[in-house]
């Protein structure tokens, strides 16, 4: 079974046992996170699409910890001016493991 969830302004396709990085949260490692905005549920036989969400459906996940993304480098350069600005950025994420997909009945 899979689900499409919305967290913040992003949508994720998740399955049980999957590990993904979401926007940073202040949850400690080992805590349980609940995603209530389930947009779609599907398996091999049927698909349920919400309008816009499926009532009483939710996805449970366990927080694995904090994770840093890939480094992005920023270079501002002006030709013939001897002017350069160099910076870097690493986005921080919360890594979660999907433990259960609960499909509520309507």
PDB file of N, CA and C in Angstrom:
ATOM      1  N   UNK A   1       0.846  -1.179   0.000  1.00  0.00           N
ATOM      2  CA  UNK A   1       0.000   0.000   0.000  1.00  0.00           C
ATOM      3  C   UNK A   1       0.887   1.237   0.000  1.00  0.00           C
ATOM      4  N   UNK A   2       0.438   2.265  -0.697  1.00  0.00           N
ATOM      5  CA  UNK A   2       1.157   3.524  -0.732  1.00  0.00           C
ATOM      6  C   UNK A   2       0.186   4.663  -0.454  1.00  0.00           C
ATOM      7  N   UNK A   3       0.755   5.817  -0.115  1.00  0.00           N
ATOM      8  CA  UNK A   3      -0.052   6.998   0.158  1.00  0.00           C
ATOM      9  C   UNK A   3       0.683   8.217  -0.359  1.00  0.00           C
ATOM     10  N   UNK A   4      -0.081   9.228  -0.726  1.00  0.00           N
ATOM     11  CA  UNK A   4       0.490  10.521  -1.059  1.00  0.00           C
ATOM     12  C   UNK A   4       0.068  11.478   0.039  1.00  0.00           C
ATOM     13  N   UNK A   5       1.058  12.050   0.722  1.00  0.00           N
ATOM     14  CA  UNK A   5       0.795  12.932   1.861  1.00  0.00           C
ATOM     15  C   UNK A   5       1.289  14.330   1.554  1.00  0.00           C
ATOM     16  N   UNK A   6       0.738  15.299   2.277  1.00  0.00           N
ATOM     17  CA  UNK A   6       1.198  16.682   2.163  1.00  0.00           C
ATOM     18  C   UNK A   6       1.773  17.085   3.510  1.00  0.00           C
ATOM     19  N   UNK A   7       2.988  17.610   3.475  1.00  0.00           N
ATOM     20  CA  UNK A   7       3.646  18.106   4.673  1.00  0.00           C
ATOM     21  C   UNK A   7       4.202  19.479   4.339  1.00  0.00           C
ATOM     22  N   UNK A   8       3.623  20.504   4.944  1.00  0.00           N
ATOM     23  CA  UNK A   8       4.013  21.860   4.597  1.00  0.00           C
ATOM     24  C   UNK A   8       3.519  22.173   3.200  1.00  0.00           C
ATOM     25  N   UNK A   9       4.417  22.554   2.323  1.00  0.00           N
ATOM     26  CA  UNK A   9       4.034  22.860   0.946  1.00  0.00           C
ATOM     27  C   UNK A   9       4.506  21.783  -0.019  1.00  0.00           C
ATOM     28  N   UNK A  10       4.924  20.625   0.492  1.00  0.00           N
ATOM     29  CA  UNK A  10       5.441  19.560  -0.353  1.00  0.00           C
ATOM     30  C   UNK A  10       4.551  18.322  -0.264  1.00  0.00           C
ATOM     31  N   UNK A  11       4.573  17.526  -1.320  1.00  0.00           N
ATOM     32  CA  UNK A  11       3.838  16.267  -1.350  1.00  0.00           C
ATOM     33  C   UNK A  11       4.841  15.134  -1.519  1.00  0.00           C
ATOM     34  N   UNK A  12       4.584  14.021  -0.824  1.00  0.00           N
ATOM     35  CA  UNK A  12       5.476  12.871  -0.860  1.00  0.00           C
ATOM     36  C   UNK A  12       4.665  11.616  -1.132  1.00  0.00           C
ATOM     37  N   UNK A  13       5.222  10.707  -1.931  1.00  0.00           N
ATOM     38  CA  UNK A  13       4.640   9.381  -2.128  1.00  0.00           C
ATOM     39  C   UNK A  13       5.395   8.456  -1.188  1.00  0.00           C
ATOM     40  N   UNK A  14       4.677   7.832  -0.252  1.00  0.00           N
ATOM     41  CA  UNK A  14       5.329   7.037   0.785  1.00  0.00           C
ATOM     42  C   UNK A  14       4.761   5.629   0.818  1.00  0.00           C
ATOM     43  N   UNK A  15       5.591   4.701   1.273  1.00  0.00           N
ATOM     44  CA  UNK A  15       5.215   3.315   1.525  1.00  0.00           C
ATOM     45  C   UNK A  15       5.762   2.925   2.888  1.00  0.00           C
ATOM     46  N   UNK A  16       5.223   1.866   3.462  1.00  0.00           N
ATOM     47  CA  UNK A  16       5.711   1.416   4.764  1.00  0.00           C
ATOM     48  C   UNK A  16       7.158   0.961   4.640  1.00  0.00           C
ATOM     49  N   UNK A  17       7.978   1.359   5.610  1.00  0.00           N
ATOM     50  CA  UNK A  17       9.391   1.014   5.619  1.00  0.00           C
ATOM     51  C   UNK A  17      10.271   2.016   4.898  1.00  0.00           C
ATOM     52  N   UNK A  18       9.677   2.980   4.235  1.00  0.00           N
ATOM     53  CA  UNK A  18      10.429   3.980   3.482  1.00  0.00           C
ATOM     54  C   UNK A  18      11.016   5.027   4.429  1.00  0.00           C
ATOM     55  N   UNK A  19      12.213   5.528   4.096  1.00  0.00           N
ATOM     56  CA  UNK A  19      12.866   6.572   4.872  1.00  0.00           C
ATOM     57  C   UNK A  19      12.940   7.812   3.991  1.00  0.00           C
ATOM     58  N   UNK A  20      12.490   8.964   4.513  1.00  0.00           N
ATOM     59  CA  UNK A  20      12.545  10.187   3.731  1.00  0.00           C
ATOM     60  C   UNK A  20      12.903  11.371   4.601  1.00  0.00           C
ATOM     61  N   UNK A  21      13.338  12.441   3.951  1.00  0.00           N
ATOM     62  CA  UNK A  21      13.727  13.669   4.634  1.00  0.00           C
ATOM     63  C   UNK A  21      12.621  14.695   4.452  1.00  0.00           C
ATOM     64  N   UNK A  22      12.136  15.245   5.567  1.00  0.00           N
ATOM     65  CA  UNK A  22      11.108  16.274   5.538  1.00  0.00           C
ATOM     66  C   UNK A  22      11.702  17.549   6.119  1.00  0.00           C
ATOM     67  N   UNK A  23      10.969  18.649   6.037  1.00  0.00           N
ATOM     68  CA  UNK A  23      11.442  19.908   6.602  1.00  0.00           C
ATOM     69  C   UNK A  23      11.723  19.742   8.089  1.00  0.00           C
ATOM     70  N   UNK A  24      12.676  20.498   8.582  1.00  0.00           N
ATOM     71  CA  UNK A  24      13.150  20.366   9.966  1.00  0.00           C
ATOM     72  C   UNK A  24      12.025  20.571  10.971  1.00  0.00           C
ATOM     73  N   UNK A  25      11.948  19.671  11.935  1.00  0.00           N
ATOM     74  CA  UNK A  25      10.997  19.753  13.049  1.00  0.00           C
ATOM     75  C   UNK A  25      11.774  19.638  14.346  1.00  0.00           C
ATOM     76  N   UNK A  26      11.161  20.095  15.417  1.00  0.00           N
ATOM     77  CA  UNK A  26      11.814  20.077  16.727  1.00  0.00           C
ATOM     78  C   UNK A  26      11.485  18.799  17.494  1.00  0.00           C
ATOM     79  N   UNK A  27      11.326  17.699  16.799  1.00  0.00           N
ATOM     80  CA  UNK A  27      11.014  16.412  17.438  1.00  0.00           C
ATOM     81  C   UNK A  27      12.305  15.665  17.759  1.00  0.00           C
ATOM     82  N   UNK A  28      12.389  15.028  18.929  1.00  0.00           N
ATOM     83  CA  UNK A  28      13.587  14.249  19.250  1.00  0.00           C
ATOM     84  C   UNK A  28      13.596  12.918  18.497  1.00  0.00           C
ATOM     85  N   UNK A  29      14.765  12.316  18.384  1.00  0.00           N
ATOM     86  CA  UNK A  29      14.874  11.014  17.727  1.00  0.00           C
ATOM     87  C   UNK A  29      14.067   9.982  18.515  1.00  0.00           C
ATOM     88  N   UNK A  30      13.336   9.144  17.813  1.00  0.00           N
ATOM     89  CA  UNK A  30      12.500   8.132  18.442  1.00  0.00           C
ATOM     90  C   UNK A  30      11.063   8.550  18.631  1.00  0.00           C
ATOM     91  N   UNK A  31      10.748   9.817  18.439  1.00  0.00           N
ATOM     92  CA  UNK A  31       9.370  10.296  18.579  1.00  0.00           C
ATOM     93  C   UNK A  31       8.539   9.851  17.373  1.00  0.00           C
ATOM     94  N   UNK A  32       7.231   9.864  17.541  1.00  0.00           N
ATOM     95  CA  UNK A  32       6.312   9.494  16.474  1.00  0.00           C
ATOM     96  C   UNK A  32       5.692  10.749  15.879  1.00  0.00           C
ATOM     97  N   UNK A  33       5.684  10.815  14.555  1.00  0.00           N
ATOM     98  CA  UNK A  33       5.086  11.931  13.829  1.00  0.00           C
ATOM     99  C   UNK A  33       3.873  11.398  13.084  1.00  0.00           C
ATOM    100  N   UNK A  34       2.800  12.167  13.095  1.00  0.00           N
ATOM    101  CA  UNK A  34       1.560  11.759  12.434  1.00  0.00           C
ATOM    102  C   UNK A  34       1.249  12.737  11.301  1.00  0.00           C
ATOM    103  N   UNK A  35       1.057  12.212  10.101  1.00  0.00           N
ATOM    104  CA  UNK A  35       0.690  13.021   8.942  1.00  0.00           C
ATOM    105  C   UNK A  35      -0.800  12.801   8.688  1.00  0.00           C
ATOM    106  N   UNK A  36      -1.605  13.847   8.907  1.00  0.00           N
ATOM    107  CA  UNK A  36      -3.053  13.724   8.763  1.00  0.00           C
ATOM    108  C   UNK A  36      -3.559  14.102   7.380  1.00  0.00           C
ATOM    109  N   UNK A  37      -2.755  14.825   6.621  1.00  0.00           N
ATOM    110  CA  UNK A  37      -3.187  15.264   5.292  1.00  0.00           C
ATOM    111  C   UNK A  37      -2.812  14.204   4.257  1.00  0.00           C
ATOM    112  N   UNK A  38      -3.657  13.183   4.133  1.00  0.00           N
ATOM    113  CA  UNK A  38      -3.456  12.109   3.161  1.00  0.00           C
ATOM    114  C   UNK A  38      -4.291  12.443   1.936  1.00  0.00           C
ATOM    115  N   UNK A  39      -3.639  12.655   0.811  1.00  0.00           N
ATOM    116  CA  UNK A  39      -4.325  13.067  -0.410  1.00  0.00           C
ATOM    117  C   UNK A  39      -4.803  11.881  -1.231  1.00  0.00           C
ATOM    118  N   UNK A  40      -4.082  10.735  -1.133  1.00  0.00           N
ATOM    119  CA  UNK A  40      -4.444   9.571  -1.932  1.00  0.00           C
ATOM    120  C   UNK A  40      -3.924   8.308  -1.278  1.00  0.00           C
ATOM    121  N   UNK A  41      -4.707   7.242  -1.359  1.00  0.00           N
ATOM    122  CA  UNK A  41      -4.300   5.919  -0.901  1.00  0.00           C
ATOM    123  C   UNK A  41      -4.433   4.954  -2.059  1.00  0.00           C
ATOM    124  N   UNK A  42      -3.490   4.043  -2.181  1.00  0.00           N
ATOM    125  CA  UNK A  42      -3.579   3.087  -3.276  1.00  0.00           C
ATOM    126  C   UNK A  42      -2.875   1.793  -2.949  1.00  0.00           C
ATOM    127  N   UNK A  43      -3.333   0.725  -3.589  1.00  0.00           N
ATOM    128  CA  UNK A  43      -2.667  -0.563  -3.517  1.00  0.00           C
ATOM    129  C   UNK A  43      -2.851  -1.248  -4.867  1.00  0.00           C
ATOM    130  N   UNK A  44      -2.619  -2.549  -4.929  1.00  0.00           N
ATOM    131  CA  UNK A  44      -2.666  -3.255  -6.204  1.00  0.00           C
ATOM    132  C   UNK A  44      -4.076  -3.334  -6.786  1.00  0.00           C
ATOM    133  N   UNK A  45      -5.098  -3.231  -5.946  1.00  0.00           N
ATOM    134  CA  UNK A  45      -6.457  -3.427  -6.448  1.00  0.00           C
ATOM    135  C   UNK A  45      -7.278  -2.152  -6.562  1.00  0.00           C
ATOM    136  N   UNK A  46      -7.074  -1.191  -5.664  1.00  0.00           N
ATOM    137  CA  UNK A  46      -7.931  -0.004  -5.664  1.00  0.00           C
ATOM    138  C   UNK A  46      -7.133   1.247  -5.321  1.00  0.00           C
ATOM    139  N   UNK A  47      -7.704   2.385  -5.713  1.00  0.00           N
ATOM    140  CA  UNK A  47      -7.114   3.685  -5.414  1.00  0.00           C
ATOM    141  C   UNK A  47      -8.212   4.587  -4.886  1.00  0.00           C
ATOM    142  N   UNK A  48      -7.926   5.292  -3.782  1.00  0.00           N
ATOM    143  CA  UNK A  48      -8.877   6.260  -3.220  1.00  0.00           C
ATOM    144  C   UNK A  48      -8.246   7.636  -3.277  1.00  0.00           C
ATOM    145  N   UNK A  49      -8.968   8.564  -3.861  1.00  0.00           N
ATOM    146  CA  UNK A  49      -8.493   9.927  -3.990  1.00  0.00           C
ATOM    147  C   UNK A  49      -9.344  10.815  -3.105  1.00  0.00           C
ATOM    148  N   UNK A  50      -8.689  11.671  -2.322  1.00  0.00           N
ATOM    149  CA  UNK A  50      -9.402  12.553  -1.403  1.00  0.00           C
ATOM    150  C   UNK A  50      -9.902  13.807  -2.095  1.00  0.00           C
ATOM    151  N   UNK A  51     -10.818  14.484  -1.422  1.00  0.00           N
ATOM    152  CA  UNK A  51     -11.380  15.731  -1.957  1.00  0.00           C
ATOM    153  C   UNK A  51     -11.323  16.833  -0.916  1.00  0.00           C
ATOM    154  N   UNK A  52     -10.286  17.483  -0.592  1.00  0.00           N
ATOM    155  CA  UNK A  52      -8.908  17.280  -1.018  1.00  0.00           C
ATOM    156  C   UNK A  52      -8.161  16.210  -0.225  1.00  0.00           C
ATOM    157  N   UNK A  53      -8.642  15.852   0.980  1.00  0.00           N
ATOM    158  CA  UNK A  53      -7.972  14.808   1.757  1.00  0.00           C
ATOM    159  C   UNK A  53      -8.951  13.692   2.070  1.00  0.00           C
ATOM    160  N   UNK A  54      -8.412  12.554   2.506  1.00  0.00           N
ATOM    161  CA  UNK A  54      -9.234  11.418   2.907  1.00  0.00           C
ATOM    162  C   UNK A  54      -9.466  11.519   4.404  1.00  0.00           C
ATOM    163  N   UNK A  55     -10.731  11.637   4.831  1.00  0.00           N
ATOM    164  CA  UNK A  55     -10.992  11.768   6.273  1.00  0.00           C
ATOM    165  C   UNK A  55     -10.557  10.517   7.045  1.00  0.00           C
ATOM    166  N   UNK A  56     -10.048  10.720   8.214  1.00  0.00           N
ATOM    167  CA  UNK A  56      -9.611   9.692   9.163  1.00  0.00           C
ATOM    168  C   UNK A  56      -8.474   8.810   8.647  1.00  0.00           C
ATOM    169  N   UNK A  57      -7.868   9.126   7.524  1.00  0.00           N
ATOM    170  CA  UNK A  57      -6.676   8.410   7.068  1.00  0.00           C
ATOM    171  C   UNK A  57      -5.454   9.155   7.580  1.00  0.00           C
ATOM    172  N   UNK A  58      -4.439   8.399   7.976  1.00  0.00           N
ATOM    173  CA  UNK A  58      -3.220   9.029   8.464  1.00  0.00           C
ATOM    174  C   UNK A  58      -2.030   8.119   8.245  1.00  0.00           C
ATOM    175  N   UNK A  59      -0.869   8.724   8.288  1.00  0.00           N
ATOM    176  CA  UNK A  59       0.384   8.003   8.119  1.00  0.00           C
ATOM    177  C   UNK A  59       1.223   8.263   9.360  1.00  0.00           C
ATOM    178  N   UNK A  60       1.736   7.201   9.963  1.00  0.00           N
ATOM    179  CA  UNK A  60       2.573   7.308  11.152  1.00  0.00           C
ATOM    180  C   UNK A  60       4.035   7.087  10.767  1.00  0.00           C
ATOM    181  N   UNK A  61       4.914   7.880  11.356  1.00  0.00           N
ATOM    182  CA  UNK A  61       6.346   7.786  11.068  1.00  0.00           C
ATOM    183  C   UNK A  61       7.137   7.959  12.348  1.00  0.00           C
ATOM    184  N   UNK A  62       8.317   7.356  12.371  1.00  0.00           N
ATOM    185  CA  UNK A  62       9.224   7.473  13.516  1.00  0.00           C
ATOM    186  C   UNK A  62      10.386   8.368  13.120  1.00  0.00           C
ATOM    187  N   UNK A  63      10.723   9.314  13.989  1.00  0.00           N
ATOM    188  CA  UNK A  63      11.819  10.239  13.720  1.00  0.00           C
ATOM    189  C   UNK A  63      13.142   9.514  13.938  1.00  0.00           C
ATOM    190  N   UNK A  64      14.005   9.568  12.928  1.00  0.00           N
ATOM    191  CA  UNK A  64      15.323   8.949  13.024  1.00  0.00           C
ATOM    192  C   UNK A  64      16.381   9.934  13.487  1.00  0.00           C
ATOM    193  N   UNK A  65      16.157  11.225  13.256  1.00  0.00           N
ATOM    194  CA  UNK A  65      17.126  12.229  13.668  1.00  0.00           C
ATOM    195  C   UNK A  65      17.222  13.340  12.644  1.00  0.00           C
ATOM    196  N   UNK A  66      18.212  14.191  12.849  1.00  0.00           N
ATOM    197  CA  UNK A  66      18.423  15.322  11.959  1.00  0.00           C
ATOM    198  C   UNK A  66      19.441  14.945  10.893  1.00  0.00           C
ATOM    199  N   UNK A  67      19.273  15.528   9.716  1.00  0.00           N
ATOM    200  CA  UNK A  67      20.142  15.214   8.584  1.00  0.00           C
ATOM    201  C   UNK A  67      20.404  16.486   7.796  1.00  0.00           C
ATOM    202  N   UNK A  68      21.614  16.624   7.269  1.00  0.00           N
ATOM    203  CA  UNK A  68      21.938  17.777   6.437  1.00  0.00           C
ATOM    204  C   UNK A  68      21.933  17.364   4.978  1.00  0.00           C
ATOM    205  N   UNK A  69      21.385  18.230   4.143  1.00  0.00           N
ATOM    206  CA  UNK A  69      21.328  17.967   2.712  1.00  0.00           C
ATOM    207  C   UNK A  69      22.648  18.255   2.032  1.00  0.00           C
ATOM    208  N   UNK A  70      22.652  18.129   0.720  1.00  0.00           N
ATOM    209  CA  UNK A  70      23.828  18.378  -0.079  1.00  0.00           C
ATOM    210  C   UNK A  70      24.177  19.865  -0.047  1.00  0.00           C
ATOM    211  N   UNK A  71      25.462  20.169  -0.081  1.00  0.00           N
ATOM    212  CA  UNK A  71      25.900  21.564  -0.028  1.00  0.00           C
ATOM    213  C   UNK A  71      25.625  22.258  -1.365  1.00  0.00           C
ATOM    214  N   UNK A  72      25.059  23.446  -1.268  1.00  0.00           N
ATOM    215  CA  UNK A  72      24.803  24.277  -2.430  1.00  0.00           C
ATOM    216  C   UNK A  72      25.751  25.459  -2.352  1.00  0.00           C
ATOM    217  N   UNK A  73      26.487  25.713  -3.439  1.00  0.00           N
ATOM    218  CA  UNK A  73      27.416  26.832  -3.454  1.00  0.00           C
ATOM    219  C   UNK A  73      26.826  27.981  -4.247  1.00  0.00           C
ATOM    220  N   UNK A  74      27.050  29.188  -3.747  1.00  0.00           N
ATOM    221  CA  UNK A  74      26.547  30.397  -4.375  1.00  0.00           C
ATOM    222  C   UNK A  74      27.747  31.265  -4.712  1.00  0.00           C
ATOM    223  N   UNK A  75      27.855  31.684  -5.957  1.00  0.00           N
ATOM    224  CA  UNK A  75      28.964  32.532  -6.387  1.00  0.00           C
ATOM    225  C   UNK A  75      28.389  33.704  -7.175  1.00  0.00           C
ATOM    226  N   UNK A  76      28.591  34.907  -6.645  1.00  0.00           N
ATOM    227  CA  UNK A  76      28.233  36.136  -7.350  1.00  0.00           C
ATOM    228  C   UNK A  76      29.538  36.725  -7.866  1.00  0.00           C
ATOM    229  N   UNK A  77      29.608  36.945  -9.167  1.00  0.00           N
ATOM    230  CA  UNK A  77      30.845  37.382  -9.789  1.00  0.00           C
ATOM    231  C   UNK A  77      30.542  38.485 -10.791  1.00  0.00           C
ATOM    232  N   UNK A  78      31.297  39.546 -10.717  1.00  0.00           N
ATOM    233  CA  UNK A  78      31.129  40.667 -11.648  1.00  0.00           C
ATOM    234  C   UNK A  78      32.407  40.803 -12.461  1.00  0.00           C
ATOM    235  N   UNK A  79      32.281  40.726 -13.749  1.00  0.00           N
ATOM    236  CA  UNK A  79      33.471  40.754 -14.598  1.00  0.00           C
ATOM    237  C   UNK A  79      34.149  42.120 -14.569  1.00  0.00           C
ATOM    238  N   UNK A  80      35.435  42.089 -14.615  1.00  0.00           N
ATOM    239  CA  UNK A  80      36.306  43.271 -14.669  1.00  0.00           C
ATOM    240  C   UNK A  80      36.153  44.211 -13.463  1.00  0.00           C
ATOM    241  N   UNK A  81      35.606  43.759 -12.362  1.00  0.00           N
ATOM    242  CA  UNK A  81      35.381  44.624 -11.206  1.00  0.00           C
ATOM    243  C   UNK A  81      36.160  44.169  -9.963  1.00  0.00           C
ATOM    244  N   UNK A  82      36.839  43.035 -10.046  1.00  0.00           N
ATOM    245  CA  UNK A  82      37.507  42.440  -8.889  1.00  0.00           C
ATOM    246  C   UNK A  82      36.529  42.276  -7.736  1.00  0.00           C
ATOM    247  N   UNK A  83      35.317  41.833  -8.068  1.00  0.00           N
ATOM    248  CA  UNK A  83      34.270  41.673  -7.062  1.00  0.00           C
ATOM    249  C   UNK A  83      33.721  40.259  -7.129  1.00  0.00           C
ATOM    250  N   UNK A  84      33.902  39.536  -6.030  1.00  0.00           N
ATOM    251  CA  UNK A  84      33.411  38.169  -5.945  1.00  0.00           C
ATOM    252  C   UNK A  84      32.803  37.946  -4.573  1.00  0.00           C
ATOM    253  N   UNK A  85      31.705  37.247  -4.526  1.00  0.00           N
ATOM    254  CA  UNK A  85      31.109  36.836  -3.262  1.00  0.00           C
ATOM    255  C   UNK A  85      30.841  35.349  -3.347  1.00  0.00           C
ATOM    256  N   UNK A  86      31.355  34.608  -2.381  1.00  0.00           N
ATOM    257  CA  UNK A  86      31.221  33.162  -2.372  1.00  0.00           C
ATOM    258  C   UNK A  86      30.545  32.750  -1.075  1.00  0.00           C
ATOM    259  N   UNK A  87      29.527  31.918  -1.162  1.00  0.00           N
ATOM    260  CA  UNK A  87      28.833  31.441   0.033  1.00  0.00           C
ATOM    261  C   UNK A  87      28.382  30.006  -0.195  1.00  0.00           C
ATOM    262  N   UNK A  88      28.074  29.342   0.875  1.00  0.00           N
ATOM    263  CA  UNK A  88      27.570  27.972   0.796  1.00  0.00           C
ATOM    264  C   UNK A  88      26.391  27.794   1.732  1.00  0.00           C
ATOM    265  N   UNK A  89      25.588  26.778   1.452  1.00  0.00           N
ATOM    266  CA  UNK A  89      24.410  26.528   2.277  1.00  0.00           C
ATOM    267  C   UNK A  89      24.133  25.033   2.315  1.00  0.00           C
ATOM    268  N   UNK A  90      23.784  24.529   3.500  1.00  0.00           N
ATOM    269  CA  UNK A  90      23.345  23.144   3.660  1.00  0.00           C
ATOM    270  C   UNK A  90      22.028  23.165   4.406  1.00  0.00           C
ATOM    271  N   UNK A  91      20.973  22.697   3.746  1.00  0.00           N
ATOM    272  CA  UNK A  91      19.647  22.669   4.350  1.00  0.00           C
ATOM    273  C   UNK A  91      19.569  21.556   5.390  1.00  0.00           C
ATOM    274  N   UNK A  92      18.916  21.826   6.503  1.00  0.00           N
ATOM    275  CA  UNK A  92      18.734  20.826   7.550  1.00  0.00           C
ATOM    276  C   UNK A  92      17.356  20.185   7.407  1.00  0.00           C
ATOM    277  N   UNK A  93      17.322  18.877   7.540  1.00  0.00           N
ATOM    278  CA  UNK A  93      16.090  18.098   7.404  1.00  0.00           C
ATOM    279  C   UNK A  93      15.894  17.211   8.623  1.00  0.00           C
ATOM    280  N   UNK A  94      14.683  16.725   8.794  1.00  0.00           N
ATOM    281  CA  UNK A  94      14.387  15.691   9.774  1.00  0.00           C
ATOM    282  C   UNK A  94      14.170  14.402   8.999  1.00  0.00           C
ATOM    283  N   UNK A  95      14.920  13.369   9.350  1.00  0.00           N
ATOM    284  CA  UNK A  95      14.791  12.075   8.670  1.00  0.00           C
ATOM    285  C   UNK A  95      13.775  11.227   9.419  1.00  0.00           C
ATOM    286  N   UNK A  96      12.766  10.734   8.693  1.00  0.00           N
ATOM    287  CA  UNK A  96      11.717   9.916   9.292  1.00  0.00           C
ATOM    288  C   UNK A  96      11.593   8.596   8.535  1.00  0.00           C
ATOM    289  N   UNK A  97      11.146   7.568   9.256  1.00  0.00           N
ATOM    290  CA  UNK A  97      10.872   6.261   8.667  1.00  0.00           C
ATOM    291  C   UNK A  97       9.370   6.001   8.784  1.00  0.00           C
ATOM    292  N   UNK A  98       8.724   5.694   7.683  1.00  0.00           N
ATOM    293  CA  UNK A  98       7.283   5.445   7.659  1.00  0.00           C
ATOM    294  C   UNK A  98       7.034   4.077   8.296  1.00  0.00           C
ATOM    295  N   UNK A  99       6.225   4.061   9.361  1.00  0.00           N
ATOM    296  CA  UNK A  99       5.959   2.807  10.065  1.00  0.00           C
ATOM    297  C   UNK A  99       4.593   2.215   9.728  1.00  0.00           C
ATOM    298  N   UNK A 100       3.579   3.050   9.519  1.00  0.00           N
ATOM    299  CA  UNK A 100       2.235   2.515   9.295  1.00  0.00           C
ATOM    300  C   UNK A 100       1.421   3.486   8.455  1.00  0.00           C
ATOM    301  N   UNK A 101       0.633   2.924   7.537  1.00  0.00           N
ATOM    302  CA  UNK A 101      -0.333   3.700   6.756  1.00  0.00           C
ATOM    303  C   UNK A 101      -1.724   3.216   7.155  1.00  0.00           C
ATOM    304  N   UNK A 102      -2.489   4.114   7.757  1.00  0.00           N
ATOM    305  CA  UNK A 102      -3.822   3.762   8.217  1.00  0.00           C
ATOM    306  C   UNK A 102      -4.845   4.380   7.271  1.00  0.00           C
ATOM    307  N   UNK A 103      -5.602   3.551   6.566  1.00  0.00           N
ATOM    308  CA  UNK A 103      -6.603   4.029   5.628  1.00  0.00           C
ATOM    309  C   UNK A 103      -7.957   4.030   6.299  1.00  0.00           C
ATOM    310  N   UNK A 104      -8.432   5.202   6.660  1.00  0.00           N
ATOM    311  CA  UNK A 104      -9.714   5.310   7.326  1.00  0.00           C
ATOM    312  C   UNK A 104     -10.871   5.003   6.389  1.00  0.00           C
ATOM    313  N   UNK A 105     -11.910   4.439   6.917  1.00  0.00           N
ATOM    314  CA  UNK A 105     -13.103   4.173   6.113  1.00  0.00           C
ATOM    315  C   UNK A 105     -13.988   5.403   6.153  1.00  0.00           C
ATOM    316  N   UNK A 106     -14.636   5.657   5.039  1.00  0.00           N
ATOM    317  CA  UNK A 106     -15.463   6.866   4.936  1.00  0.00           C
ATOM    318  C   UNK A 106     -16.896   6.571   5.283  1.00  0.00           C
TER     319      UNK A 106
END
